């Protein structure tokens, strides 16, 4: 039994496109309900709004922006809020700067102290490391760390601390040594490789 496929069984044609639909669609009317909104639902929406309102974006301003602000404030005789609006600085931050300027003018441009642990290795360790590396350029990090702890009695540092100090503070580039066996570089092996290469090239 042979099956007959009828291509025209389901005729498909485009009724309208999306743009035609949007043009012919009646405008949506806002739904007005005169019913009262429950107080709990109203409070819940207020909570969401307050949460969004309380999230702040903190802006950190450079010394140039602060200098431009104080230039406008003192030389142009503009109020703090007007100068802040002109420069795109948050008004409250500008008012805080003016208050701090009255109390201690130098405190505005002071940088915050970095939090965290201070560096164990200092300038004298840096000089020692550089001299040690100059004397022995093929030294391994563990050897350098051992030499450092031997010369500085109270110092107790790990190999990773010494490595980080060497790469960041001393600006040393450390490469991993790649050792090759002696017989691999022997004259006999090199001449044999050369003969083999010349034979392959001749053929």
N, C-alpha and C. Protein backbone atom coordinates (compact mmCIF):
# COMPACT_ATOMS: atom_id res chain seq x y z
N UNK A 1 0.84 -1.17 0.00
CA UNK A 1 0.00 0.00 0.00
C UNK A 1 0.88 1.24 0.00
N UNK A 2 0.63 2.09 -0.95
CA UNK A 2 1.41 3.32 -1.06
C UNK A 2 0.68 4.45 -0.37
N UNK A 3 1.50 5.27 0.33
CA UNK A 3 0.93 6.44 1.00
C UNK A 3 1.01 7.64 0.07
N UNK A 4 -0.07 8.36 0.02
CA UNK A 4 -0.11 9.55 -0.80
C UNK A 4 0.01 10.76 0.13
N UNK A 5 1.01 11.57 -0.13
CA UNK A 5 1.21 12.74 0.70
C UNK A 5 0.56 13.92 0.01
N UNK A 6 -0.34 14.55 0.71
CA UNK A 6 -1.03 15.71 0.15
C UNK A 6 -0.41 16.97 0.76
N UNK A 7 0.35 17.71 -0.06
CA UNK A 7 1.01 18.92 0.42
C UNK A 7 0.02 20.03 0.71
N UNK A 8 -1.09 20.00 0.08
CA UNK A 8 -2.05 21.10 0.22
C UNK A 8 -3.13 20.77 1.24
N UNK A 9 -2.86 19.81 2.11
CA UNK A 9 -3.85 19.42 3.09
C UNK A 9 -4.11 20.56 4.07
N UNK A 10 -3.03 21.18 4.54
CA UNK A 10 -3.16 22.31 5.47
C UNK A 10 -2.58 23.54 4.80
N UNK A 11 -3.44 24.40 4.35
CA UNK A 11 -2.98 25.63 3.69
C UNK A 11 -2.63 26.66 4.76
N UNK A 12 -1.39 27.14 4.74
CA UNK A 12 -0.93 28.12 5.73
C UNK A 12 -0.65 29.42 4.99
N UNK A 13 -1.26 30.46 5.50
CA UNK A 13 -0.98 31.78 4.92
C UNK A 13 -0.89 32.80 6.05
N UNK A 14 -0.17 33.86 5.80
CA UNK A 14 0.03 34.89 6.82
C UNK A 14 -1.21 35.75 6.90
N UNK A 15 -1.77 35.83 8.09
CA UNK A 15 -2.97 36.64 8.29
C UNK A 15 -2.57 38.10 8.50
N UNK A 16 -1.61 38.31 9.40
CA UNK A 16 -1.12 39.66 9.61
C UNK A 16 0.27 39.58 10.22
N UNK A 17 1.01 40.65 10.08
CA UNK A 17 2.34 40.70 10.68
C UNK A 17 2.24 41.35 12.06
N UNK A 18 3.30 41.35 12.79
CA UNK A 18 3.29 41.93 14.13
C UNK A 18 3.03 43.44 14.07
N UNK A 19 3.63 44.12 13.11
CA UNK A 19 3.42 45.57 13.00
C UNK A 19 1.96 45.88 12.68
N UNK A 20 1.35 45.07 11.80
CA UNK A 20 -0.07 45.29 11.50
C UNK A 20 -0.93 45.05 12.73
N UNK A 21 -0.58 44.02 13.48
CA UNK A 21 -1.33 43.74 14.70
C UNK A 21 -1.22 44.91 15.69
N UNK A 22 -0.02 45.44 15.87
CA UNK A 22 0.15 46.54 16.82
C UNK A 22 -0.56 47.80 16.34
N UNK A 23 -0.64 48.01 15.02
CA UNK A 23 -1.34 49.20 14.50
C UNK A 23 -2.85 49.06 14.68
N UNK A 24 -3.38 47.84 14.52
CA UNK A 24 -4.82 47.63 14.62
C UNK A 24 -5.31 47.38 16.04
N UNK A 25 -4.39 47.13 16.93
CA UNK A 25 -4.76 46.81 18.31
C UNK A 25 -5.32 48.06 19.00
N UNK A 26 -6.43 47.93 19.70
CA UNK A 26 -6.98 49.10 20.41
C UNK A 26 -6.07 49.47 21.58
N UNK A 27 -5.98 50.74 21.91
CA UNK A 27 -5.11 51.16 23.01
C UNK A 27 -5.61 50.59 24.34
N UNK A 28 -4.65 50.24 25.16
CA UNK A 28 -5.02 49.69 26.46
C UNK A 28 -5.40 50.82 27.40
N UNK A 29 -6.45 50.60 28.12
CA UNK A 29 -6.92 51.62 29.05
C UNK A 29 -6.44 51.26 30.45
N UNK A 30 -6.03 52.25 31.21
CA UNK A 30 -5.63 51.93 32.58
C UNK A 30 -6.85 51.48 33.38
N UNK A 31 -6.63 50.50 34.19
CA UNK A 31 -7.73 49.96 34.99
C UNK A 31 -7.85 50.78 36.25
N UNK A 32 -9.00 51.39 36.44
CA UNK A 32 -9.26 52.19 37.64
C UNK A 32 -10.10 51.35 38.58
N UNK A 33 -9.56 51.14 39.74
CA UNK A 33 -10.33 50.41 40.74
C UNK A 33 -10.58 51.35 41.90
N UNK A 34 -11.79 51.41 42.29
CA UNK A 34 -12.16 52.26 43.40
C UNK A 34 -12.10 51.52 44.73
N UNK A 35 -11.68 50.27 44.66
CA UNK A 35 -11.61 49.51 45.90
C UNK A 35 -10.40 49.96 46.70
N UNK A 36 -10.49 49.83 47.98
CA UNK A 36 -9.39 50.24 48.84
C UNK A 36 -8.31 49.17 48.86
N UNK A 37 -7.06 49.64 48.88
CA UNK A 37 -5.92 48.72 48.95
C UNK A 37 -5.74 48.35 50.41
N UNK A 38 -5.58 47.11 50.72
CA UNK A 38 -5.38 46.73 52.11
C UNK A 38 -4.13 47.40 52.68
N UNK A 39 -4.18 47.71 53.96
CA UNK A 39 -3.08 48.42 54.62
C UNK A 39 -1.81 47.59 54.63
N UNK A 40 -1.91 46.28 54.74
CA UNK A 40 -0.72 45.42 54.77
C UNK A 40 0.01 45.48 53.44
N UNK A 41 -0.75 45.46 52.33
CA UNK A 41 -0.13 45.54 51.01
C UNK A 41 0.55 46.89 50.81
N UNK A 42 -0.07 47.96 51.33
CA UNK A 42 0.50 49.29 51.22
C UNK A 42 1.81 49.36 52.00
N UNK A 43 1.83 48.80 53.21
CA UNK A 43 3.05 48.82 54.02
C UNK A 43 4.15 47.99 53.35
N UNK A 44 3.78 46.89 52.72
CA UNK A 44 4.76 46.05 52.07
C UNK A 44 5.42 46.79 50.91
N UNK A 45 4.64 47.55 50.13
CA UNK A 45 5.22 48.31 49.03
C UNK A 45 6.11 49.42 49.56
N UNK A 46 5.75 50.01 50.72
CA UNK A 46 6.61 51.03 51.32
C UNK A 46 7.94 50.44 51.74
N UNK A 47 7.92 49.20 52.27
CA UNK A 47 9.15 48.56 52.70
C UNK A 47 10.10 48.35 51.53
N UNK A 48 9.56 47.92 50.41
CA UNK A 48 10.39 47.72 49.22
C UNK A 48 10.98 49.05 48.77
N UNK A 49 10.15 50.08 48.78
CA UNK A 49 10.62 51.39 48.36
C UNK A 49 11.71 51.89 49.31
N UNK A 50 11.55 51.67 50.60
CA UNK A 50 12.56 52.10 51.56
C UNK A 50 13.86 51.34 51.38
N UNK A 51 13.75 50.03 51.09
CA UNK A 51 14.96 49.26 50.87
C UNK A 51 15.73 49.78 49.67
N UNK A 52 15.00 50.10 48.60
CA UNK A 52 15.67 50.64 47.42
C UNK A 52 16.24 52.02 47.71
N UNK A 53 15.56 52.79 48.53
CA UNK A 53 16.01 54.14 48.83
C UNK A 53 17.25 54.12 49.71
N UNK A 54 17.34 53.15 50.61
CA UNK A 54 18.45 53.12 51.56
C UNK A 54 19.75 52.61 50.95
N UNK A 55 19.68 51.93 49.83
CA UNK A 55 20.92 51.46 49.20
C UNK A 55 21.61 52.65 48.55
N UNK A 56 22.86 52.86 48.94
CA UNK A 56 23.59 54.01 48.42
C UNK A 56 24.71 53.57 47.50
N UNK A 57 25.03 54.43 46.57
CA UNK A 57 26.23 54.25 45.78
C UNK A 57 27.27 55.17 46.37
N UNK A 58 28.40 54.63 46.75
CA UNK A 58 29.45 55.45 47.32
C UNK A 58 30.38 55.89 46.20
N UNK A 59 30.65 57.19 46.19
CA UNK A 59 31.54 57.74 45.18
C UNK A 59 32.84 58.16 45.86
N UNK A 60 33.93 57.84 45.22
CA UNK A 60 35.23 58.26 45.72
C UNK A 60 35.74 59.34 44.77
N UNK A 61 36.05 60.50 45.33
CA UNK A 61 36.44 61.64 44.52
C UNK A 61 37.95 61.83 44.59
N UNK A 62 38.53 62.18 43.44
CA UNK A 62 39.98 62.36 43.37
C UNK A 62 40.35 63.72 43.95
N UNK A 63 41.64 63.92 44.16
CA UNK A 63 42.13 65.20 44.68
C UNK A 63 41.88 66.33 43.68
N UNK A 64 41.90 66.02 42.38
CA UNK A 64 41.61 67.05 41.36
C UNK A 64 40.18 67.56 41.49
N UNK A 65 39.24 66.64 41.71
CA UNK A 65 37.84 67.05 41.86
C UNK A 65 37.66 67.90 43.12
N UNK A 66 38.34 67.52 44.18
CA UNK A 66 38.26 68.31 45.41
C UNK A 66 38.88 69.69 45.21
N UNK A 67 40.00 69.75 44.50
CA UNK A 67 40.66 71.04 44.23
C UNK A 67 39.76 71.93 43.40
N UNK A 68 39.13 71.38 42.36
CA UNK A 68 38.20 72.18 41.54
C UNK A 68 37.02 72.68 42.35
N UNK A 69 36.54 71.84 43.26
CA UNK A 69 35.43 72.23 44.12
C UNK A 69 35.82 73.42 45.00
N UNK A 70 36.97 73.33 45.65
CA UNK A 70 37.40 74.43 46.53
C UNK A 70 37.76 75.69 45.75
N UNK A 71 38.22 75.51 44.50
CA UNK A 71 38.48 76.69 43.66
C UNK A 71 37.16 77.43 43.39
N UNK A 72 36.13 76.68 43.03
CA UNK A 72 34.82 77.31 42.81
C UNK A 72 34.29 77.93 44.10
N UNK A 73 34.48 77.24 45.19
CA UNK A 73 33.95 77.69 46.48
C UNK A 73 34.60 79.00 46.93
N UNK A 74 35.92 79.09 46.84
CA UNK A 74 36.62 80.26 47.39
C UNK A 74 36.82 81.38 46.37
N UNK A 75 37.24 81.04 45.16
CA UNK A 75 37.54 82.11 44.20
C UNK A 75 36.28 82.66 43.51
N UNK A 76 35.31 81.80 43.22
CA UNK A 76 34.10 82.25 42.54
C UNK A 76 32.99 82.62 43.51
N UNK A 77 33.24 82.39 44.82
CA UNK A 77 32.26 82.71 45.86
C UNK A 77 30.90 82.04 45.60
N UNK A 78 30.96 80.77 45.29
CA UNK A 78 29.75 79.99 45.03
C UNK A 78 29.47 79.15 46.28
N UNK A 79 28.22 78.89 46.56
CA UNK A 79 27.90 78.06 47.71
C UNK A 79 28.37 76.63 47.48
N UNK A 80 28.47 75.87 48.56
CA UNK A 80 28.97 74.49 48.46
C UNK A 80 28.05 73.64 47.60
N UNK A 81 26.75 73.78 47.79
CA UNK A 81 25.82 72.95 47.02
C UNK A 81 25.84 73.33 45.54
N UNK A 82 25.96 74.62 45.22
CA UNK A 82 25.99 75.04 43.81
C UNK A 82 27.27 74.55 43.14
N UNK A 83 28.40 74.67 43.85
CA UNK A 83 29.67 74.18 43.29
C UNK A 83 29.64 72.67 43.08
N UNK A 84 29.02 71.98 44.03
CA UNK A 84 28.92 70.52 43.91
C UNK A 84 28.06 70.13 42.71
N UNK A 85 26.95 70.83 42.52
CA UNK A 85 26.07 70.51 41.38
C UNK A 85 26.78 70.78 40.06
N UNK A 86 27.56 71.86 39.99
CA UNK A 86 28.27 72.18 38.75
C UNK A 86 29.29 71.10 38.40
N UNK A 87 29.92 70.53 39.42
CA UNK A 87 30.97 69.53 39.17
C UNK A 87 30.47 68.09 39.20
N UNK A 88 29.19 67.91 39.52
CA UNK A 88 28.64 66.56 39.55
C UNK A 88 29.03 65.79 40.80
N UNK A 89 29.27 66.51 41.87
CA UNK A 89 29.64 65.91 43.15
C UNK A 89 28.39 65.88 44.02
N UNK A 90 28.26 64.83 44.83
CA UNK A 90 27.11 64.74 45.72
C UNK A 90 27.15 65.90 46.70
N UNK A 91 26.00 66.56 46.89
CA UNK A 91 25.92 67.78 47.69
C UNK A 91 26.37 67.53 49.13
N UNK A 92 25.94 66.41 49.69
CA UNK A 92 26.27 66.14 51.09
C UNK A 92 27.77 65.91 51.26
N UNK A 93 28.41 65.30 50.28
CA UNK A 93 29.86 65.10 50.34
C UNK A 93 30.58 66.45 50.33
N UNK A 94 30.10 67.36 49.49
CA UNK A 94 30.72 68.69 49.42
C UNK A 94 30.54 69.44 50.74
N UNK A 95 29.38 69.34 51.33
CA UNK A 95 29.15 70.01 52.61
C UNK A 95 30.05 69.42 53.70
N UNK A 96 30.27 68.12 53.65
CA UNK A 96 31.16 67.47 54.60
C UNK A 96 32.60 67.96 54.42
N UNK A 97 33.03 68.18 53.15
CA UNK A 97 34.37 68.70 52.88
C UNK A 97 34.55 70.09 53.46
N UNK A 98 33.50 70.93 53.30
CA UNK A 98 33.58 72.30 53.83
C UNK A 98 33.71 72.25 55.35
N UNK A 99 32.96 71.40 55.98
CA UNK A 99 33.03 71.28 57.44
C UNK A 99 34.41 70.82 57.88
N UNK A 100 34.95 69.83 57.21
CA UNK A 100 36.29 69.34 57.55
C UNK A 100 37.35 70.38 57.25
N UNK A 101 37.12 71.22 56.22
CA UNK A 101 38.07 72.28 55.89
C UNK A 101 38.12 73.32 57.01
N UNK A 102 36.99 73.60 57.60
CA UNK A 102 36.98 74.56 58.71
C UNK A 102 37.72 74.01 59.93
N UNK A 103 37.56 72.71 60.19
CA UNK A 103 38.19 72.11 61.35
C UNK A 103 39.69 71.87 61.13
N UNK A 104 40.05 71.22 60.03
CA UNK A 104 41.45 70.92 59.73
C UNK A 104 41.62 70.88 58.21
N UNK A 105 42.19 71.94 57.62
CA UNK A 105 42.27 72.03 56.16
C UNK A 105 43.08 70.91 55.50
N UNK A 106 44.06 70.36 56.20
CA UNK A 106 44.90 69.34 55.60
C UNK A 106 44.24 67.96 55.57
N UNK A 107 43.21 67.78 56.37
CA UNK A 107 42.61 66.44 56.49
C UNK A 107 41.82 66.02 55.26
N UNK A 108 41.45 66.96 54.42
CA UNK A 108 40.62 66.63 53.25
C UNK A 108 41.40 65.82 52.23
N UNK A 109 42.67 66.14 52.06
CA UNK A 109 43.47 65.48 51.03
C UNK A 109 44.28 64.31 51.57
N UNK A 110 44.09 63.96 52.84
CA UNK A 110 44.79 62.82 53.40
C UNK A 110 44.20 61.53 52.85
N UNK A 111 45.07 60.61 52.55
CA UNK A 111 44.62 59.31 52.07
C UNK A 111 44.33 58.42 53.27
N UNK A 112 43.33 57.57 53.11
CA UNK A 112 43.02 56.64 54.19
C UNK A 112 44.12 55.60 54.29
N UNK A 113 44.41 55.21 55.51
CA UNK A 113 45.42 54.18 55.72
C UNK A 113 44.86 52.85 55.24
N UNK A 114 45.73 52.11 54.60
CA UNK A 114 45.32 50.81 54.09
C UNK A 114 45.11 49.87 55.27
N UNK A 115 44.03 49.14 55.22
CA UNK A 115 43.77 48.18 56.28
C UNK A 115 44.49 46.89 55.96
N UNK A 116 44.65 46.09 56.97
CA UNK A 116 45.30 44.80 56.77
C UNK A 116 46.67 44.77 57.42
N UNK A 117 47.33 43.68 57.21
CA UNK A 117 48.62 43.45 57.84
C UNK A 117 49.70 44.22 57.11
N UNK A 118 50.62 44.82 57.86
CA UNK A 118 51.71 45.56 57.24
C UNK A 118 52.76 44.58 56.72
N UNK A 119 53.56 45.04 55.79
CA UNK A 119 54.54 44.18 55.15
C UNK A 119 55.67 43.85 56.12
N UNK A 120 56.03 42.59 56.20
CA UNK A 120 57.08 42.16 57.10
C UNK A 120 58.44 42.61 56.59
N UNK A 121 58.64 42.53 55.29
CA UNK A 121 59.93 42.85 54.69
C UNK A 121 59.99 44.33 54.35
N UNK A 122 61.12 44.94 54.67
CA UNK A 122 61.28 46.38 54.45
C UNK A 122 62.41 46.72 53.50
N UNK A 123 62.90 47.93 53.61
CA UNK A 123 63.92 48.45 52.69
C UNK A 123 65.25 47.72 52.87
N UNK A 124 65.65 47.44 54.12
CA UNK A 124 66.93 46.75 54.34
C UNK A 124 66.89 45.32 53.79
N UNK A 125 65.69 44.69 53.86
CA UNK A 125 65.55 43.35 53.27
C UNK A 125 65.64 43.42 51.75
N UNK A 126 65.10 44.48 51.19
CA UNK A 126 65.15 44.66 49.74
C UNK A 126 66.58 44.81 49.26
N UNK A 127 67.38 45.62 49.98
CA UNK A 127 68.80 45.79 49.61
C UNK A 127 69.55 44.46 49.70
N UNK A 128 69.29 43.73 50.78
CA UNK A 128 69.95 42.43 50.93
C UNK A 128 69.57 41.49 49.80
N UNK A 129 68.28 41.42 49.47
CA UNK A 129 67.83 40.53 48.39
C UNK A 129 68.47 40.88 47.06
N UNK A 130 68.52 42.16 46.74
CA UNK A 130 69.11 42.58 45.47
C UNK A 130 70.59 42.23 45.41
N UNK A 131 71.32 42.46 46.51
CA UNK A 131 72.74 42.11 46.55
C UNK A 131 72.93 40.59 46.44
N UNK A 132 72.08 39.83 47.10
CA UNK A 132 72.16 38.38 47.07
C UNK A 132 71.88 37.85 45.67
N UNK A 133 70.90 38.39 45.00
CA UNK A 133 70.57 37.96 43.63
C UNK A 133 71.68 38.36 42.67
N UNK A 134 72.26 39.55 42.87
CA UNK A 134 73.38 39.96 42.00
C UNK A 134 74.57 39.03 42.17
N UNK A 135 74.82 38.55 43.41
CA UNK A 135 75.94 37.65 43.65
C UNK A 135 75.66 36.26 43.10
N UNK A 136 74.41 35.83 43.15
CA UNK A 136 74.04 34.49 42.69
C UNK A 136 72.75 34.57 41.89
N UNK A 137 72.84 34.89 40.59
CA UNK A 137 71.61 35.07 39.79
C UNK A 137 70.81 33.79 39.57
N UNK A 138 71.44 32.63 39.71
CA UNK A 138 70.71 31.38 39.47
C UNK A 138 70.14 30.80 40.76
N UNK A 139 70.04 31.62 41.79
CA UNK A 139 69.53 31.13 43.08
C UNK A 139 68.04 30.85 42.99
N UNK A 140 67.60 29.85 43.73
CA UNK A 140 66.20 29.47 43.80
C UNK A 140 65.55 30.25 44.94
N UNK A 141 64.23 30.43 44.89
CA UNK A 141 63.52 31.21 45.90
C UNK A 141 63.74 30.64 47.30
N UNK A 142 63.80 29.32 47.42
CA UNK A 142 64.02 28.72 48.74
C UNK A 142 65.40 29.08 49.28
N UNK A 143 66.41 29.12 48.41
CA UNK A 143 67.76 29.51 48.84
C UNK A 143 67.77 30.97 49.29
N UNK A 144 67.10 31.80 48.54
CA UNK A 144 67.04 33.23 48.89
C UNK A 144 66.33 33.41 50.22
N UNK A 145 65.25 32.67 50.45
CA UNK A 145 64.52 32.77 51.71
C UNK A 145 65.37 32.28 52.87
N UNK A 146 66.15 31.21 52.66
CA UNK A 146 67.03 30.72 53.71
C UNK A 146 68.12 31.73 54.04
N UNK A 147 68.74 32.33 53.00
CA UNK A 147 69.77 33.35 53.22
C UNK A 147 69.20 34.54 53.99
N UNK A 148 67.98 34.90 53.66
CA UNK A 148 67.34 36.04 54.32
C UNK A 148 67.09 35.75 55.80
N UNK A 149 66.59 34.56 56.10
CA UNK A 149 66.32 34.23 57.52
C UNK A 149 67.61 34.01 58.30
N UNK A 150 68.70 33.60 57.63
CA UNK A 150 69.98 33.44 58.32
C UNK A 150 70.60 34.78 58.68
N UNK A 151 70.47 35.76 57.78
CA UNK A 151 71.09 37.07 58.03
C UNK A 151 70.26 37.95 58.94
N UNK A 152 68.95 37.78 58.94
CA UNK A 152 68.07 38.55 59.84
C UNK A 152 67.51 37.56 60.86
N UNK A 153 67.98 37.68 62.08
CA UNK A 153 67.72 36.66 63.09
C UNK A 153 66.24 36.56 63.45
N UNK A 154 65.58 37.68 63.71
CA UNK A 154 64.19 37.65 64.17
C UNK A 154 63.18 37.47 63.05
N UNK A 155 63.65 37.33 61.83
CA UNK A 155 62.74 37.27 60.68
C UNK A 155 62.27 35.83 60.46
N UNK A 156 60.97 35.67 60.30
CA UNK A 156 60.38 34.36 60.00
C UNK A 156 59.37 34.56 58.87
N UNK A 157 59.80 34.28 57.64
CA UNK A 157 58.93 34.48 56.48
C UNK A 157 58.85 33.19 55.68
N UNK A 158 57.73 33.06 54.99
CA UNK A 158 57.55 31.89 54.13
C UNK A 158 58.16 32.15 52.76
N UNK A 159 58.27 31.07 52.00
CA UNK A 159 58.83 31.17 50.65
C UNK A 159 57.93 32.01 49.74
N UNK A 160 56.60 31.87 49.92
CA UNK A 160 55.67 32.63 49.08
C UNK A 160 55.75 34.13 49.38
N UNK A 161 55.98 34.49 50.66
CA UNK A 161 56.12 35.90 51.02
C UNK A 161 57.36 36.49 50.35
N UNK A 162 58.45 35.75 50.38
CA UNK A 162 59.69 36.21 49.73
C UNK A 162 59.48 36.33 48.23
N UNK A 163 58.80 35.35 47.63
CA UNK A 163 58.52 35.40 46.19
C UNK A 163 57.69 36.63 45.82
N UNK A 164 56.61 36.88 46.58
CA UNK A 164 55.76 38.04 46.31
C UNK A 164 56.53 39.34 46.49
N UNK A 165 57.38 39.41 47.51
CA UNK A 165 58.18 40.61 47.75
C UNK A 165 59.17 40.84 46.61
N UNK A 166 59.79 39.75 46.14
CA UNK A 166 60.76 39.88 45.05
C UNK A 166 60.09 40.36 43.77
N UNK A 167 58.90 39.88 43.48
CA UNK A 167 58.24 40.24 42.22
C UNK A 167 57.58 41.61 42.29
N UNK A 168 57.03 42.00 43.45
CA UNK A 168 56.30 43.27 43.52
C UNK A 168 57.19 44.44 43.94
N UNK A 169 57.95 44.26 45.03
CA UNK A 169 58.74 45.38 45.57
C UNK A 169 60.11 45.50 44.90
N UNK A 170 60.76 44.37 44.64
CA UNK A 170 62.10 44.41 44.04
C UNK A 170 62.07 44.43 42.52
N UNK A 171 60.91 44.23 41.93
CA UNK A 171 60.73 44.22 40.47
C UNK A 171 61.65 43.21 39.78
N UNK A 172 61.77 42.05 40.37
CA UNK A 172 62.57 40.99 39.78
C UNK A 172 61.67 40.04 39.01
N UNK A 173 62.12 39.61 37.85
CA UNK A 173 61.37 38.59 37.12
C UNK A 173 62.02 37.25 37.40
N UNK A 174 61.23 36.31 37.82
CA UNK A 174 61.73 35.00 38.21
C UNK A 174 61.30 33.99 37.17
N UNK A 175 62.29 33.28 36.67
CA UNK A 175 62.01 32.27 35.66
C UNK A 175 62.30 30.89 36.23
N UNK A 176 61.52 29.94 35.78
CA UNK A 176 61.71 28.57 36.24
C UNK A 176 62.80 27.94 35.40
N UNK A 177 63.79 27.37 36.06
CA UNK A 177 64.91 26.75 35.35
C UNK A 177 64.46 25.48 34.67
N UNK A 178 64.94 25.30 33.44
CA UNK A 178 64.64 24.08 32.70
C UNK A 178 65.95 23.34 32.49
N UNK A 179 66.12 22.27 33.20
CA UNK A 179 67.36 21.50 33.16
C UNK A 179 67.26 20.43 32.09
N UNK A 180 68.39 20.27 31.37
CA UNK A 180 68.46 19.23 30.36
C UNK A 180 69.59 18.28 30.74
N UNK A 181 69.43 17.00 30.46
CA UNK A 181 70.49 16.06 30.81
C UNK A 181 71.77 16.37 30.05
N UNK A 182 72.90 16.02 30.65
CA UNK A 182 74.20 16.32 30.04
C UNK A 182 74.36 15.56 28.74
N UNK A 183 73.95 14.29 28.71
CA UNK A 183 74.14 13.49 27.51
C UNK A 183 73.32 14.01 26.34
N UNK A 184 72.26 14.72 26.62
CA UNK A 184 71.44 15.27 25.55
C UNK A 184 72.20 16.37 24.79
N UNK A 185 73.06 17.07 25.48
CA UNK A 185 73.81 18.16 24.85
C UNK A 185 75.25 17.76 24.53
N UNK A 186 75.56 16.49 24.60
CA UNK A 186 76.93 16.06 24.33
C UNK A 186 77.25 16.22 22.84
N UNK A 187 78.54 16.27 22.54
CA UNK A 187 79.00 16.45 21.15
C UNK A 187 78.57 15.29 20.26
N UNK A 188 78.65 14.08 20.80
CA UNK A 188 78.28 12.90 20.00
C UNK A 188 76.81 12.95 19.58
N UNK A 189 75.95 13.30 20.53
CA UNK A 189 74.51 13.37 20.22
C UNK A 189 74.21 14.48 19.23
N UNK A 190 74.85 15.62 19.42
CA UNK A 190 74.61 16.75 18.50
C UNK A 190 75.08 16.43 17.09
N UNK A 191 76.26 15.79 16.97
CA UNK A 191 76.76 15.45 15.62
C UNK A 191 75.87 14.39 14.97
N UNK A 192 75.36 13.43 15.78
CA UNK A 192 74.46 12.40 15.24
C UNK A 192 73.16 13.04 14.74
N UNK A 193 72.64 14.00 15.50
CA UNK A 193 71.42 14.70 15.07
C UNK A 193 71.67 15.47 13.78
N UNK A 194 72.85 16.10 13.68
CA UNK A 194 73.18 16.88 12.49
C UNK A 194 73.28 15.97 11.27
N UNK A 195 73.95 14.80 11.42
CA UNK A 195 74.05 13.85 10.31
C UNK A 195 72.68 13.37 9.87
N UNK A 196 71.82 13.06 10.86
CA UNK A 196 70.47 12.58 10.55
C UNK A 196 69.67 13.65 9.80
N UNK A 197 69.77 14.89 10.24
CA UNK A 197 69.07 15.99 9.56
C UNK A 197 69.56 16.17 8.14
N UNK A 198 70.88 16.07 7.92
CA UNK A 198 71.41 16.25 6.56
C UNK A 198 71.00 15.09 5.66
N UNK A 199 70.92 13.85 6.20
CA UNK A 199 70.48 12.71 5.40
C UNK A 199 69.01 12.86 5.00
N UNK A 200 68.19 13.32 5.94
CA UNK A 200 66.76 13.49 5.65
C UNK A 200 66.58 14.60 4.61
N UNK A 201 67.37 15.65 4.70
CA UNK A 201 67.26 16.75 3.75
C UNK A 201 67.74 16.33 2.36
N UNK A 202 68.73 15.44 2.28
CA UNK A 202 69.25 14.97 0.99
C UNK A 202 68.24 14.07 0.29
N UNK A 203 67.49 13.32 1.02
CA UNK A 203 66.51 12.41 0.41
C UNK A 203 65.31 13.17 0.05
